[in-house]
Amino acid sequence: MPLPNITMIGNLVADPELRFTAAGKAVVNFRIAASSRKKQGDEWVDGDSCFLTVSAWDDTAENIAETLTKGQSVIVSGDLKQREYETNTGEKRTVYEIAARSVGPDLRKAVANKVKRNQSDARDPWGGGSNAIDEPPF
């Protein structure tokens, strides 16, 4: 049975940490936090919070480390994994993590690589010079 898919929107709680395995494979880890918000009277207040660790590999890992920073709002999609470990004092712990397939900035709150467009591009994405679109050019 495949692992459950998860998509989470949250804020980075620290800068991503990039490391390399002995074989030279890049891996990045970072934590994101998401909170529900409720309106009480005229104010919004934070509700429950969820913190998850996210990991990504290879080119994705390097792109994340070069692009994202603490506090940034991101969208993460991947597999939810459960991992168990034992602390130094012998306590057994279980953690849930996301093995990311896709990660990107939440464009509701940020701008990524803003593209300059001339006026005709904004009116007609197909380059025909009018607002009417008959058919895409492919």
C-alpha atoms as a PDB file:
ATOM      1  CA  MET A   1       0.000   0.000   0.000  1.00  0.00           C
ATOM      2  CA  PRO A   2       1.448   3.423  -0.905  1.00  0.00           C
ATOM      3  CA  LEU A   3       2.193   6.045   1.718  1.00  0.00           C
ATOM      4  CA  PRO A   4      -0.453   8.742   2.223  1.00  0.00           C
ATOM      5  CA  ASN A   5      -0.090  11.865   0.080  1.00  0.00           C
ATOM      6  CA  ILE A   6      -0.050  15.186   1.882  1.00  0.00           C
ATOM      7  CA  THR A   7      -0.059  18.798   0.755  1.00  0.00           C
ATOM      8  CA  MET A   8       0.714  21.359   3.438  1.00  0.00           C
ATOM      9  CA  ILE A   9       0.916  25.136   3.349  1.00  0.00           C
ATOM     10  CA  GLY A  10       2.983  26.617   6.152  1.00  0.00           C
ATOM     11  CA  ASN A  11       5.847  28.881   7.165  1.00  0.00           C
ATOM     12  CA  LEU A  12       9.475  27.820   7.482  1.00  0.00           C
ATOM     13  CA  VAL A  13      10.473  27.961  11.149  1.00  0.00           C
ATOM     14  CA  ALA A  14      14.215  28.007  10.302  1.00  0.00           C
ATOM     15  CA  ASP A  15      16.452  28.176   7.245  1.00  0.00           C
ATOM     16  CA  PRO A  16      16.717  24.862   5.340  1.00  0.00           C
ATOM     17  CA  GLU A  17      19.748  22.714   6.266  1.00  0.00           C
ATOM     18  CA  LEU A  18      21.574  21.253   3.263  1.00  0.00           C
ATOM     19  CA  ARG A  19      23.860  18.238   3.750  1.00  0.00           C
ATOM     20  CA  PHE A  20      25.523  15.689   1.489  1.00  0.00           C
ATOM     21  CA  THR A  21      25.723  11.929   1.950  1.00  0.00           C
ATOM     22  CA  ALA A  22      29.049  10.083   1.734  1.00  0.00           C
ATOM     23  CA  ALA A  23      28.120   9.276  -1.879  1.00  0.00           C
ATOM     24  CA  GLY A  24      27.651  12.992  -2.636  1.00  0.00           C
ATOM     25  CA  LYS A  25      23.820  13.033  -2.749  1.00  0.00           C
ATOM     26  CA  ALA A  26      22.255  16.300  -1.581  1.00  0.00           C
ATOM     27  CA  VAL A  27      19.569  16.179   1.115  1.00  0.00           C
ATOM     28  CA  VAL A  28      17.798  19.121   2.728  1.00  0.00           C
ATOM     29  CA  ASN A  29      15.710  19.220   5.890  1.00  0.00           C
ATOM     30  CA  PHE A  30      13.466  22.016   7.118  1.00  0.00           C
ATOM     31  CA  ARG A  31      10.477  22.451   9.408  1.00  0.00           C
ATOM     32  CA  ILE A  32       7.223  24.128   8.535  1.00  0.00           C
ATOM     33  CA  ALA A  33       4.409  25.216  10.807  1.00  0.00           C
ATOM     34  CA  ALA A  34       0.750  25.680   9.978  1.00  0.00           C
ATOM     35  CA  SER A  35      -1.903  27.124  12.270  1.00  0.00           C
ATOM     36  CA  SER A  36      -5.638  27.375  12.012  1.00  0.00           C
ATOM     37  CA  ARG A  37      -7.101  30.822  12.634  1.00  0.00           C
ATOM     38  CA  LYS A  38     -10.448  31.664  14.158  1.00  0.00           C
ATOM     39  CA  LYS A  39     -12.290  34.925  14.400  1.00  0.00           C
ATOM     40  CA  GLN A  40     -13.243  35.876  17.937  1.00  0.00           C
ATOM     41  CA  GLY A  41     -15.209  39.091  17.950  1.00  0.00           C
ATOM     42  CA  ASP A  42     -13.269  41.578  15.828  1.00  0.00           C
ATOM     43  CA  GLU A  43      -9.899  39.760  16.112  1.00  0.00           C
ATOM     44  CA  TRP A  44      -8.294  36.762  14.494  1.00  0.00           C
ATOM     45  CA  VAL A  45      -6.572  34.367  16.921  1.00  0.00           C
ATOM     46  CA  ASP A  46      -4.326  31.360  16.243  1.00  0.00           C
ATOM     47  CA  GLY A  47      -5.841  27.949  16.886  1.00  0.00           C
ATOM     48  CA  ASP A  48      -4.146  24.569  16.771  1.00  0.00           C
ATOM     49  CA  SER A  49      -0.676  24.339  15.222  1.00  0.00           C
ATOM     50  CA  CYS A  50       1.053  21.557  13.313  1.00  0.00           C
ATOM     51  CA  PHE A  51       4.839  21.361  12.907  1.00  0.00           C
ATOM     52  CA  LEU A  52       6.337  18.885  10.426  1.00  0.00           C
ATOM     53  CA  THR A  53       9.856  18.188   9.241  1.00  0.00           C
ATOM     54  CA  VAL A  54      10.284  18.047   5.466  1.00  0.00           C
ATOM     55  CA  SER A  55      13.097  16.363   3.556  1.00  0.00           C
ATOM     56  CA  ALA A  56      13.995  16.490  -0.132  1.00  0.00           C
ATOM     57  CA  TRP A  57      16.821  15.027  -2.207  1.00  0.00           C
ATOM     58  CA  ASP A  58      19.107  15.767  -5.147  1.00  0.00           C
ATOM     59  CA  ASP A  59      18.449  18.889  -7.288  1.00  0.00           C
ATOM     60  CA  THR A  60      15.262  19.648  -5.352  1.00  0.00           C
ATOM     61  CA  ALA A  61      17.293  19.777  -2.136  1.00  0.00           C
ATOM     62  CA  GLU A  62      19.838  22.189  -3.583  1.00  0.00           C
ATOM     63  CA  ASN A  63      17.126  24.406  -5.114  1.00  0.00           C
ATOM     64  CA  ILE A  64      15.327  24.607  -1.762  1.00  0.00           C
ATOM     65  CA  ALA A  65      18.534  25.527   0.088  1.00  0.00           C
ATOM     66  CA  GLU A  66      19.320  28.264  -2.468  1.00  0.00           C
ATOM     67  CA  THR A  67      15.785  29.676  -2.615  1.00  0.00           C
ATOM     68  CA  LEU A  68      13.860  29.419   0.671  1.00  0.00           C
ATOM     69  CA  THR A  69      14.469  31.164   4.002  1.00  0.00           C
ATOM     70  CA  LYS A  70      13.040  31.253   7.506  1.00  0.00           C
ATOM     71  CA  GLY A  71       9.574  32.819   7.732  1.00  0.00           C
ATOM     72  CA  GLN A  72       8.692  32.234   4.089  1.00  0.00           C
ATOM     73  CA  SER A  73       5.289  30.715   3.312  1.00  0.00           C
ATOM     74  CA  VAL A  74       5.613  27.524   1.242  1.00  0.00           C
ATOM     75  CA  ILE A  75       3.500  24.791  -0.301  1.00  0.00           C
ATOM     76  CA  VAL A  76       4.854  21.260   0.162  1.00  0.00           C
ATOM     77  CA  SER A  77       3.523  18.123  -1.502  1.00  0.00           C
ATOM     78  CA  GLY A  78       4.836  14.644  -0.783  1.00  0.00           C
ATOM     79  CA  ASP A  79       4.486  11.416   1.174  1.00  0.00           C
ATOM     80  CA  LEU A  80       3.699  11.375   4.887  1.00  0.00           C
ATOM     81  CA  LYS A  81       6.159   9.068   6.647  1.00  0.00           C
ATOM     82  CA  GLN A  82       6.268   7.765  10.206  1.00  0.00           C
ATOM     83  CA  ARG A  83       9.637   7.174  11.865  1.00  0.00           C
ATOM     84  CA  GLU A  84      10.397   5.705  15.275  1.00  0.00           C
ATOM     85  CA  TYR A  85      13.558   6.212  17.295  1.00  0.00           C
ATOM     86  CA  GLU A  86      14.897   5.915  20.816  1.00  0.00           C
ATOM     87  CA  THR A  87      16.259   8.878  22.796  1.00  0.00           C
ATOM     88  CA  ASN A  88      19.529   8.815  24.769  1.00  0.00           C
ATOM     89  CA  THR A  89      17.477   8.107  27.902  1.00  0.00           C
ATOM     90  CA  GLY A  90      15.792   5.064  26.313  1.00  0.00           C
ATOM     91  CA  GLU A  91      12.415   6.652  25.555  1.00  0.00           C
ATOM     92  CA  LYS A  92      10.724   5.503  22.354  1.00  0.00           C
ATOM     93  CA  ARG A  93       9.457   8.327  20.135  1.00  0.00           C
ATOM     94  CA  THR A  94       7.441   8.498  16.943  1.00  0.00           C
ATOM     95  CA  VAL A  95       7.655  11.395  14.497  1.00  0.00           C
ATOM     96  CA  TYR A  96       5.830  12.190  11.270  1.00  0.00           C
ATOM     97  CA  GLU A  97       7.698  13.745   8.364  1.00  0.00           C
ATOM     98  CA  ILE A  98       7.047  14.722   4.747  1.00  0.00           C
ATOM     99  CA  ALA A  99       9.229  13.246   2.001  1.00  0.00           C
ATOM    100  CA  ALA A 100       8.758  16.116  -0.461  1.00  0.00           C
ATOM    101  CA  ARG A 101       8.175  15.685  -4.171  1.00  0.00           C
ATOM    102  CA  SER A 102       7.362  19.360  -4.816  1.00  0.00           C
ATOM    103  CA  VAL A 103       8.112  22.516  -2.842  1.00  0.00           C
ATOM    104  CA  GLY A 104       7.477  26.116  -3.792  1.00  0.00           C
ATOM    105  CA  PRO A 105       6.736  29.558  -2.410  1.00  0.00           C
ATOM    106  CA  ASP A 106       3.109  30.367  -1.601  1.00  0.00           C
ATOM    107  CA  LEU A 107       2.410  33.091  -4.166  1.00  0.00           C
ATOM    108  CA  ARG A 108      -0.478  34.463  -2.102  1.00  0.00           C
ATOM    109  CA  LYS A 109       2.228  35.904   0.158  1.00  0.00           C
ATOM    110  CA  ALA A 110       5.324  36.263  -2.024  1.00  0.00           C
ATOM    111  CA  VAL A 111       6.560  36.927  -5.538  1.00  0.00           C
ATOM    112  CA  ALA A 112       8.904  34.494  -7.258  1.00  0.00           C
ATOM    113  CA  ASN A 113      10.971  35.581 -10.279  1.00  0.00           C
ATOM    114  CA  LYS A 114       8.671  38.358 -11.384  1.00  0.00           C
ATOM    115  CA  VAL A 115       8.452  38.473 -15.177  1.00  0.00           C
ATOM    116  CA  LYS A 116       8.304  41.769 -17.078  1.00  0.00           C
ATOM    117  CA  ARG A 117       5.671  41.778 -19.768  1.00  0.00           C
ATOM    118  CA  ASN A 118       4.836  44.414 -22.338  1.00  0.00           C
ATOM    119  CA  GLN A 119       1.238  45.625 -22.736  1.00  0.00           C
ATOM    120  CA  SER A 120       0.459  43.412 -25.750  1.00  0.00           C
ATOM    121  CA  ASP A 121       1.569  40.307 -23.812  1.00  0.00           C
ATOM    122  CA  ALA A 122      -0.859  41.157 -21.016  1.00  0.00           C
ATOM    123  CA  ARG A 123      -3.782  41.535 -23.429  1.00  0.00           C
ATOM    124  CA  ASP A 124      -3.006  38.641 -25.754  1.00  0.00           C
ATOM    125  CA  PRO A 125      -0.896  35.709 -24.528  1.00  0.00           C
ATOM    126  CA  TRP A 126      -0.880  34.173 -28.035  1.00  0.00           C
ATOM    127  CA  GLY A 127       0.788  37.173 -29.705  1.00  0.00           C
ATOM    128  CA  GLY A 128      -2.054  38.024 -32.115  1.00  0.00           C
ATOM    129  CA  GLY A 129      -2.410  41.656 -31.036  1.00  0.00           C
ATOM    130  CA  SER A 130      -6.062  41.607 -29.940  1.00  0.00           C
ATOM    131  CA  ASN A 131      -7.997  40.501 -26.894  1.00  0.00           C
ATOM    132  CA  ALA A 132      -9.816  37.776 -28.846  1.00  0.00           C
ATOM    133  CA  ILE A 133      -8.347  34.299 -28.638  1.00  0.00           C
ATOM    134  CA  ASP A 134      -9.417  31.868 -31.346  1.00  0.00           C
ATOM    135  CA  GLU A 135      -7.078  28.985 -30.764  1.00  0.00           C
ATOM    136  CA  PRO A 136      -3.739  28.410 -28.995  1.00  0.00           C
ATOM    137  CA  PRO A 137      -0.781  28.257 -31.415  1.00  0.00           C
ATOM    138  CA  PHE A 138       0.067  24.587 -30.729  1.00  0.00           C
END
